[in-house]
Amino acid sequence: MTTTLLRAGCVGFALLAGACGSSHNNDTGPTQQQEDAAASGSVAGLIGFAQGEIARTDDGSEPRPIAGISPPASDVDDPAVI
């Protein structure tokens, strides 16, 4: 009886451990809509987006459209230092 429970516990643990693992091979990163929302949400997000676009190393890619980005504006915050 104890060996059956031990085996069942080991199988259950192996299944749980396998289900918890993540594979970074198919990680596509954020979508364009997610990037647009992050860049439109705050000045820090907009600057981070711009820095990420400048740092891109893939020479064969075309410039990304930025029509979905609305620069954040605030009447009470001080201008951001760039």
PDB file of N, CA and C in Angstrom:
ATOM      1  N   MET A   1       0.822  -1.185   0.000  1.00  0.00           N
ATOM      2  CA  MET A   1       0.000   0.000   0.000  1.00  0.00           C
ATOM      3  C   MET A   1       0.873   1.259   0.000  1.00  0.00           C
ATOM      4  N   THR A   2       1.938   1.265   0.790  1.00  0.00           N
ATOM      5  CA  THR A   2       2.787   2.456   0.853  1.00  0.00           C
ATOM      6  C   THR A   2       3.573   2.650  -0.428  1.00  0.00           C
ATOM      7  N   THR A   3       3.965   1.557  -1.086  1.00  0.00           N
ATOM      8  CA  THR A   3       4.682   1.716  -2.348  1.00  0.00           C
ATOM      9  C   THR A   3       3.764   2.269  -3.428  1.00  0.00           C
ATOM     10  N   THR A   4       2.501   1.893  -3.408  1.00  0.00           N
ATOM     11  CA  THR A   4       1.545   2.419  -4.375  1.00  0.00           C
ATOM     12  C   THR A   4       1.351   3.916  -4.153  1.00  0.00           C
ATOM     13  N   LEU A   5       1.228   4.316  -2.905  1.00  0.00           N
ATOM     14  CA  LEU A   5       1.086   5.744  -2.598  1.00  0.00           C
ATOM     15  C   LEU A   5       2.354   6.511  -2.939  1.00  0.00           C
ATOM     16  N   LEU A   6       3.507   5.892  -2.690  1.00  0.00           N
ATOM     17  CA  LEU A   6       4.775   6.534  -3.011  1.00  0.00           C
ATOM     18  C   LEU A   6       4.918   6.723  -4.516  1.00  0.00           C
ATOM     19  N   ARG A   7       4.572   5.686  -5.283  1.00  0.00           N
ATOM     20  CA  ARG A   7       4.635   5.798  -6.742  1.00  0.00           C
ATOM     21  C   ARG A   7       3.650   6.845  -7.261  1.00  0.00           C
ATOM     22  N   ALA A   8       2.454   6.849  -6.721  1.00  0.00           N
ATOM     23  CA  ALA A   8       1.456   7.830  -7.143  1.00  0.00           C
ATOM     24  C   ALA A   8       1.920   9.248  -6.802  1.00  0.00           C
ATOM     25  N   GLY A   9       2.541   9.404  -5.651  1.00  0.00           N
ATOM     26  CA  GLY A   9       3.075  10.710  -5.265  1.00  0.00           C
ATOM     27  C   GLY A   9       4.204  11.156  -6.182  1.00  0.00           C
ATOM     28  N   CYS A  10       5.079  10.221  -6.551  1.00  0.00           N
ATOM     29  CA  CYS A  10       6.180  10.559  -7.462  1.00  0.00           C
ATOM     30  C   CYS A  10       5.656  10.939  -8.845  1.00  0.00           C
ATOM     31  N   VAL A  11       4.679  10.206  -9.336  1.00  0.00           N
ATOM     32  CA  VAL A  11       4.087  10.519 -10.639  1.00  0.00           C
ATOM     33  C   VAL A  11       3.396  11.881 -10.584  1.00  0.00           C
ATOM     34  N   GLY A  12       2.666  12.132  -9.522  1.00  0.00           N
ATOM     35  CA  GLY A  12       2.004  13.428  -9.362  1.00  0.00           C
ATOM     36  C   GLY A  12       3.006  14.566  -9.285  1.00  0.00           C
ATOM     37  N   PHE A  13       4.075  14.367  -8.555  1.00  0.00           N
ATOM     38  CA  PHE A  13       5.103  15.391  -8.454  1.00  0.00           C
ATOM     39  C   PHE A  13       5.761  15.642  -9.807  1.00  0.00           C
ATOM     40  N   ALA A  14       6.038  14.571 -10.548  1.00  0.00           N
ATOM     41  CA  ALA A  14       6.650  14.723 -11.865  1.00  0.00           C
ATOM     42  C   ALA A  14       5.727  15.478 -12.817  1.00  0.00           C
ATOM     43  N   LEU A  15       4.446  15.201 -12.760  1.00  0.00           N
ATOM     44  CA  LEU A  15       3.490  15.913 -13.610  1.00  0.00           C
ATOM     45  C   LEU A  15       3.408  17.390 -13.235  1.00  0.00           C
ATOM     46  N   LEU A  16       3.386  17.668 -11.956  1.00  0.00           N
ATOM     47  CA  LEU A  16       3.332  19.069 -11.517  1.00  0.00           C
ATOM     48  C   LEU A  16       4.606  19.815 -11.867  1.00  0.00           C
ATOM     49  N   ALA A  17       5.746  19.165 -11.698  1.00  0.00           N
ATOM     50  CA  ALA A  17       7.017  19.813 -12.025  1.00  0.00           C
ATOM     51  C   ALA A  17       7.120  20.077 -13.522  1.00  0.00           C
ATOM     52  N   GLY A  18       6.636  19.173 -14.327  1.00  0.00           N
ATOM     53  CA  GLY A  18       6.659  19.377 -15.773  1.00  0.00           C
ATOM     54  C   GLY A  18       5.707  20.473 -16.214  1.00  0.00           C
ATOM     55  N   ALA A  19       4.591  20.601 -15.537  1.00  0.00           N
ATOM     56  CA  ALA A  19       3.614  21.628 -15.895  1.00  0.00           C
ATOM     57  C   ALA A  19       4.067  23.019 -15.469  1.00  0.00           C
ATOM     58  N   CYS A  20       4.919  23.099 -14.463  1.00  0.00           N
ATOM     59  CA  CYS A  20       5.359  24.402 -13.971  1.00  0.00           C
ATOM     60  C   CYS A  20       6.502  24.990 -14.783  1.00  0.00           C
ATOM     61  N   GLY A  21       7.193  24.176 -15.543  1.00  0.00           N
ATOM     62  CA  GLY A  21       8.322  24.673 -16.323  1.00  0.00           C
ATOM     63  C   GLY A  21       7.855  25.583 -17.437  1.00  0.00           C
ATOM     64  N   SER A  22       8.723  26.498 -17.837  1.00  0.00           N
ATOM     65  CA  SER A  22       8.375  27.371 -18.948  1.00  0.00           C
ATOM     66  C   SER A  22       9.429  27.229 -20.029  1.00  0.00           C
ATOM     67  N   SER A  23       8.994  27.417 -21.237  1.00  0.00           N
ATOM     68  CA  SER A  23       9.892  27.332 -22.371  1.00  0.00           C
ATOM     69  C   SER A  23      10.034  28.712 -22.976  1.00  0.00           C
ATOM     70  N   HIS A  24      11.257  29.183 -23.093  1.00  0.00           N
ATOM     71  CA  HIS A  24      11.490  30.507 -23.660  1.00  0.00           C
ATOM     72  C   HIS A  24      11.716  30.433 -25.167  1.00  0.00           C
ATOM     73  N   ASN A  25      11.600  29.243 -25.740  1.00  0.00           N
ATOM     74  CA  ASN A  25      11.820  29.101 -27.169  1.00  0.00           C
ATOM     75  C   ASN A  25      10.721  29.749 -27.985  1.00  0.00           C
ATOM     76  N   ASN A  26       9.507  29.773 -27.479  1.00  0.00           N
ATOM     77  CA  ASN A  26       8.399  30.342 -28.222  1.00  0.00           C
ATOM     78  C   ASN A  26       7.929  31.666 -27.615  1.00  0.00           C
ATOM     79  N   ASP A  27       8.783  32.334 -26.898  1.00  0.00           N
ATOM     80  CA  ASP A  27       8.451  33.610 -26.285  1.00  0.00           C
ATOM     81  C   ASP A  27       8.561  34.703 -27.339  1.00  0.00           C
ATOM     82  N   THR A  28       7.427  35.238 -27.750  1.00  0.00           N
ATOM     83  CA  THR A  28       7.432  36.246 -28.810  1.00  0.00           C
ATOM     84  C   THR A  28       7.515  37.658 -28.264  1.00  0.00           C
ATOM     85  N   GLY A  29       7.389  37.832 -26.962  1.00  0.00           N
ATOM     86  CA  GLY A  29       7.456  39.168 -26.391  1.00  0.00           C
ATOM     87  C   GLY A  29       6.114  39.878 -26.476  1.00  0.00           C
ATOM     88  N   PRO A  30       6.105  41.131 -26.090  1.00  0.00           N
ATOM     89  CA  PRO A  30       4.839  41.860 -26.092  1.00  0.00           C
ATOM     90  C   PRO A  30       4.360  42.153 -27.516  1.00  0.00           C
ATOM     91  N   THR A  31       3.056  42.236 -27.675  1.00  0.00           N
ATOM     92  CA  THR A  31       2.493  42.563 -28.981  1.00  0.00           C
ATOM     93  C   THR A  31       2.595  44.065 -29.209  1.00  0.00           C
ATOM     94  N   GLN A  32       2.329  44.472 -30.429  1.00  0.00           N
ATOM     95  CA  GLN A  32       2.402  45.895 -30.756  1.00  0.00           C
ATOM     96  C   GLN A  32       1.381  46.689 -29.947  1.00  0.00           C
ATOM     97  N   GLN A  33       0.188  46.138 -29.726  1.00  0.00           N
ATOM     98  CA  GLN A  33      -0.819  46.831 -28.933  1.00  0.00           C
ATOM     99  C   GLN A  33      -0.371  46.985 -27.488  1.00  0.00           C
ATOM    100  N   GLN A  34       0.304  45.984 -26.939  1.00  0.00           N
ATOM    101  CA  GLN A  34       0.799  46.081 -25.570  1.00  0.00           C
ATOM    102  C   GLN A  34       1.904  47.128 -25.474  1.00  0.00           C
ATOM    103  N   GLU A  35       2.778  47.186 -26.484  1.00  0.00           N
ATOM    104  CA  GLU A  35       3.828  48.204 -26.491  1.00  0.00           C
ATOM    105  C   GLU A  35       3.218  49.600 -26.607  1.00  0.00           C
ATOM    106  N   ASP A  36       2.200  49.755 -27.464  1.00  0.00           N
ATOM    107  CA  ASP A  36       1.538  51.051 -27.625  1.00  0.00           C
ATOM    108  C   ASP A  36       0.899  51.505 -26.318  1.00  0.00           C
ATOM    109  N   ALA A  37       0.241  50.574 -25.624  1.00  0.00           N
ATOM    110  CA  ALA A  37      -0.407  50.922 -24.360  1.00  0.00           C
ATOM    111  C   ALA A  37       0.617  51.314 -23.296  1.00  0.00           C
ATOM    112  N   ALA A  38       1.743  50.601 -23.250  1.00  0.00           N
ATOM    113  CA  ALA A  38       2.777  50.926 -22.265  1.00  0.00           C
ATOM    114  C   ALA A  38       3.412  52.280 -22.574  1.00  0.00           C
ATOM    115  N   ALA A  39       3.638  52.567 -23.858  1.00  0.00           N
ATOM    116  CA  ALA A  39       4.255  53.840 -24.235  1.00  0.00           C
ATOM    117  C   ALA A  39       3.293  55.001 -24.033  1.00  0.00           C
ATOM    118  N   SER A  40       2.001  54.755 -24.158  1.00  0.00           N
ATOM    119  CA  SER A  40       1.012  55.820 -23.996  1.00  0.00           C
ATOM    120  C   SER A  40       0.653  56.055 -22.537  1.00  0.00           C
ATOM    121  N   GLY A  41       0.995  55.120 -21.657  1.00  0.00           N
ATOM    122  CA  GLY A  41       0.565  55.192 -20.274  1.00  0.00           C
ATOM    123  C   GLY A  41       1.312  56.193 -19.417  1.00  0.00           C
ATOM    124  N   SER A  42       2.589  56.401 -19.682  1.00  0.00           N
ATOM    125  CA  SER A  42       3.367  57.306 -18.842  1.00  0.00           C
ATOM    126  C   SER A  42       4.571  57.804 -19.627  1.00  0.00           C
ATOM    127  N   VAL A  43       5.175  58.861 -19.106  1.00  0.00           N
ATOM    128  CA  VAL A  43       6.378  59.396 -19.746  1.00  0.00           C
ATOM    129  C   VAL A  43       7.505  58.372 -19.659  1.00  0.00           C
ATOM    130  N   ALA A  44       7.622  57.715 -18.527  1.00  0.00           N
ATOM    131  CA  ALA A  44       8.662  56.693 -18.374  1.00  0.00           C
ATOM    132  C   ALA A  44       8.445  55.559 -19.376  1.00  0.00           C
ATOM    133  N   GLY A  45       7.187  55.173 -19.608  1.00  0.00           N
ATOM    134  CA  GLY A  45       6.892  54.140 -20.584  1.00  0.00           C
ATOM    135  C   GLY A  45       7.238  54.573 -21.998  1.00  0.00           C
ATOM    136  N   LEU A  46       6.977  55.833 -22.322  1.00  0.00           N
ATOM    137  CA  LEU A  46       7.299  56.363 -23.646  1.00  0.00           C
ATOM    138  C   LEU A  46       8.806  56.409 -23.862  1.00  0.00           C
ATOM    139  N   ILE A  47       9.542  56.842 -22.848  1.00  0.00           N
ATOM    140  CA  ILE A  47      10.997  56.895 -22.958  1.00  0.00           C
ATOM    141  C   ILE A  47      11.572  55.482 -23.046  1.00  0.00           C
ATOM    142  N   GLY A  48      11.025  54.551 -22.277  1.00  0.00           N
ATOM    143  CA  GLY A  48      11.475  53.162 -22.348  1.00  0.00           C
ATOM    144  C   GLY A  48      11.210  52.551 -23.714  1.00  0.00           C
ATOM    145  N   PHE A  49      10.056  52.870 -24.293  1.00  0.00           N
ATOM    146  CA  PHE A  49       9.745  52.386 -25.632  1.00  0.00           C
ATOM    147  C   PHE A  49      10.744  52.944 -26.649  1.00  0.00           C
ATOM    148  N   ALA A  50      11.015  54.238 -26.572  1.00  0.00           N
ATOM    149  CA  ALA A  50      11.957  54.867 -27.506  1.00  0.00           C
ATOM    150  C   ALA A  50      13.351  54.272 -27.357  1.00  0.00           C
ATOM    151  N   GLN A  51      13.797  54.058 -26.123  1.00  0.00           N
ATOM    152  CA  GLN A  51      15.113  53.461 -25.904  1.00  0.00           C
ATOM    153  C   GLN A  51      15.180  52.046 -26.457  1.00  0.00           C
ATOM    154  N   GLY A  52      14.082  51.292 -26.319  1.00  0.00           N
ATOM    155  CA  GLY A  52      14.045  49.937 -26.852  1.00  0.00           C
ATOM    156  C   GLY A  52      14.099  49.921 -28.374  1.00  0.00           C
ATOM    157  N   GLU A  53      13.432  50.869 -29.006  1.00  0.00           N
ATOM    158  CA  GLU A  53      13.462  50.941 -30.465  1.00  0.00           C
ATOM    159  C   GLU A  53      14.840  51.362 -30.966  1.00  0.00           C
ATOM    160  N   ILE A  54      15.489  52.255 -30.265  1.00  0.00           N
ATOM    161  CA  ILE A  54      16.832  52.692 -30.656  1.00  0.00           C
ATOM    162  C   ILE A  54      17.831  51.560 -30.495  1.00  0.00           C
ATOM    163  N   ALA A  55      17.654  50.738 -29.474  1.00  0.00           N
ATOM    164  CA  ALA A  55      18.605  49.665 -29.173  1.00  0.00           C
ATOM    165  C   ALA A  55      18.417  48.427 -30.040  1.00  0.00           C
ATOM    166  N   ARG A  56      17.400  48.393 -30.893  1.00  0.00           N
ATOM    167  CA  ARG A  56      17.177  47.209 -31.735  1.00  0.00           C
ATOM    168  C   ARG A  56      18.380  46.960 -32.635  1.00  0.00           C
ATOM    169  N   THR A  57      18.746  45.700 -32.753  1.00  0.00           N
ATOM    170  CA  THR A  57      19.939  45.354 -33.527  1.00  0.00           C
ATOM    171  C   THR A  57      19.627  44.649 -34.832  1.00  0.00           C
ATOM    172  N   ASP A  58      18.357  44.386 -35.120  1.00  0.00           N
ATOM    173  CA  ASP A  58      18.032  43.690 -36.361  1.00  0.00           C
ATOM    174  C   ASP A  58      17.972  44.697 -37.511  1.00  0.00           C
ATOM    175  N   ASP A  59      18.994  44.665 -38.339  1.00  0.00           N
ATOM    176  CA  ASP A  59      19.142  45.651 -39.414  1.00  0.00           C
ATOM    177  C   ASP A  59      18.129  45.481 -40.529  1.00  0.00           C
ATOM    178  N   GLY A  60      17.590  44.308 -40.705  1.00  0.00           N
ATOM    179  CA  GLY A  60      16.682  44.051 -41.812  1.00  0.00           C
ATOM    180  C   GLY A  60      15.252  44.471 -41.564  1.00  0.00           C
ATOM    181  N   SER A  61      14.935  44.933 -40.369  1.00  0.00           N
ATOM    182  CA  SER A  61      13.541  45.253 -40.054  1.00  0.00           C
ATOM    183  C   SER A  61      13.182  46.669 -40.518  1.00  0.00           C
ATOM    184  N   GLU A  62      11.927  46.824 -40.822  1.00  0.00           N
ATOM    185  CA  GLU A  62      11.405  48.128 -41.210  1.00  0.00           C
ATOM    186  C   GLU A  62      11.051  48.923 -39.950  1.00  0.00           C
ATOM    187  N   PRO A  63      11.012  50.247 -40.051  1.00  0.00           N
ATOM    188  CA  PRO A  63      10.582  51.041 -38.896  1.00  0.00           C
ATOM    189  C   PRO A  63       9.169  50.656 -38.477  1.00  0.00           C
ATOM    190  N   ARG A  64       8.934  50.631 -37.196  1.00  0.00           N
ATOM    191  CA  ARG A  64       7.641  50.236 -36.652  1.00  0.00           C
ATOM    192  C   ARG A  64       6.698  51.416 -36.664  1.00  0.00           C
ATOM    193  N   PRO A  65       5.445  51.230 -37.097  1.00  0.00           N
ATOM    194  CA  PRO A  65       4.491  52.340 -37.064  1.00  0.00           C
ATOM    195  C   PRO A  65       4.161  52.725 -35.622  1.00  0.00           C
ATOM    196  N   ILE A  66       4.022  54.011 -35.393  1.00  0.00           N
ATOM    197  CA  ILE A  66       3.736  54.484 -34.031  1.00  0.00           C
ATOM    198  C   ILE A  66       2.394  55.209 -33.966  1.00  0.00           C
ATOM    199  N   ALA A  67       1.513  54.914 -34.906  1.00  0.00           N
ATOM    200  CA  ALA A  67       0.212  55.586 -34.953  1.00  0.00           C
ATOM    201  C   ALA A  67      -0.633  55.293 -33.709  1.00  0.00           C
ATOM    202  N   GLY A  68      -0.424  54.170 -33.051  1.00  0.00           N
ATOM    203  CA  GLY A  68      -1.221  53.813 -31.884  1.00  0.00           C
ATOM    204  C   GLY A  68      -0.724  54.421 -30.586  1.00  0.00           C
ATOM    205  N   ILE A  69       0.353  55.190 -30.631  1.00  0.00           N
ATOM    206  CA  ILE A  69       0.922  55.764 -29.410  1.00  0.00           C
ATOM    207  C   ILE A  69       0.475  57.209 -29.278  1.00  0.00           C
ATOM    208  N   SER A  70      -0.139  57.512 -28.156  1.00  0.00           N
ATOM    209  CA  SER A  70      -0.522  58.881 -27.830  1.00  0.00           C
ATOM    210  C   SER A  70       0.371  59.339 -26.689  1.00  0.00           C
ATOM    211  N   PRO A  71       1.279  60.279 -26.935  1.00  0.00           N
ATOM    212  CA  PRO A  71       2.172  60.706 -25.858  1.00  0.00           C
ATOM    213  C   PRO A  71       1.387  61.201 -24.645  1.00  0.00           C
ATOM    214  N   PRO A  72       1.764  60.755 -23.467  1.00  0.00           N
ATOM    215  CA  PRO A  72       1.049  61.172 -22.263  1.00  0.00           C
ATOM    216  C   PRO A  72       1.252  62.661 -22.000  1.00  0.00           C
ATOM    217  N   ALA A  73       0.195  63.315 -21.586  1.00  0.00           N
ATOM    218  CA  ALA A  73       0.261  64.744 -21.265  1.00  0.00           C
ATOM    219  C   ALA A  73      -0.341  64.968 -19.882  1.00  0.00           C
ATOM    220  N   SER A  74       0.273  65.848 -19.131  1.00  0.00           N
ATOM    221  CA  SER A  74      -0.215  66.172 -17.802  1.00  0.00           C
ATOM    222  C   SER A  74      -0.116  67.669 -17.587  1.00  0.00           C
ATOM    223  N   ASP A  75      -1.150  68.238 -16.999  1.00  0.00           N
ATOM    224  CA  ASP A  75      -1.150  69.662 -16.696  1.00  0.00           C
ATOM    225  C   ASP A  75      -0.498  69.969 -15.358  1.00  0.00           C
ATOM    226  N   VAL A  76      -0.244  68.948 -14.552  1.00  0.00           N
ATOM    227  CA  VAL A  76       0.291  69.187 -13.219  1.00  0.00           C
ATOM    228  C   VAL A  76       1.721  68.690 -13.039  1.00  0.00           C
ATOM    229  N   ASP A  77       2.175  67.735 -13.854  1.00  0.00           N
ATOM    230  CA  ASP A  77       3.524  67.214 -13.720  1.00  0.00           C
ATOM    231  C   ASP A  77       4.539  68.138 -14.372  1.00  0.00           C
ATOM    232  N   ASP A  78       5.740  68.138 -13.817  1.00  0.00           N
ATOM    233  CA  ASP A  78       6.829  68.891 -14.428  1.00  0.00           C
ATOM    234  C   ASP A  78       7.264  68.188 -15.708  1.00  0.00           C
ATOM    235  N   PRO A  79       7.830  68.920 -16.660  1.00  0.00           N
ATOM    236  CA  PRO A  79       8.321  68.271 -17.876  1.00  0.00           C
ATOM    237  C   PRO A  79       9.395  67.236 -17.543  1.00  0.00           C
ATOM    238  N   ALA A  80       9.384  66.155 -18.285  1.00  0.00           N
ATOM    239  CA  ALA A  80      10.350  65.089 -18.046  1.00  0.00           C
ATOM    240  C   ALA A  80      11.713  65.489 -18.593  1.00  0.00           C
ATOM    241  N   VAL A  81      12.738  65.094 -17.897  1.00  0.00           N
ATOM    242  CA  VAL A  81      14.094  65.337 -18.337  1.00  0.00           C
ATOM    243  C   VAL A  81      14.474  64.214 -19.290  1.00  0.00           C
ATOM    244  N   ILE A  82      14.942  64.580 -20.451  1.00  0.00           N
ATOM    245  CA  ILE A  82      15.318  63.576 -21.448  1.00  0.00           C
ATOM    246  C   ILE A  82      16.820  63.571 -21.602  1.00  0.00           C
TER     247      ILE A  82
END
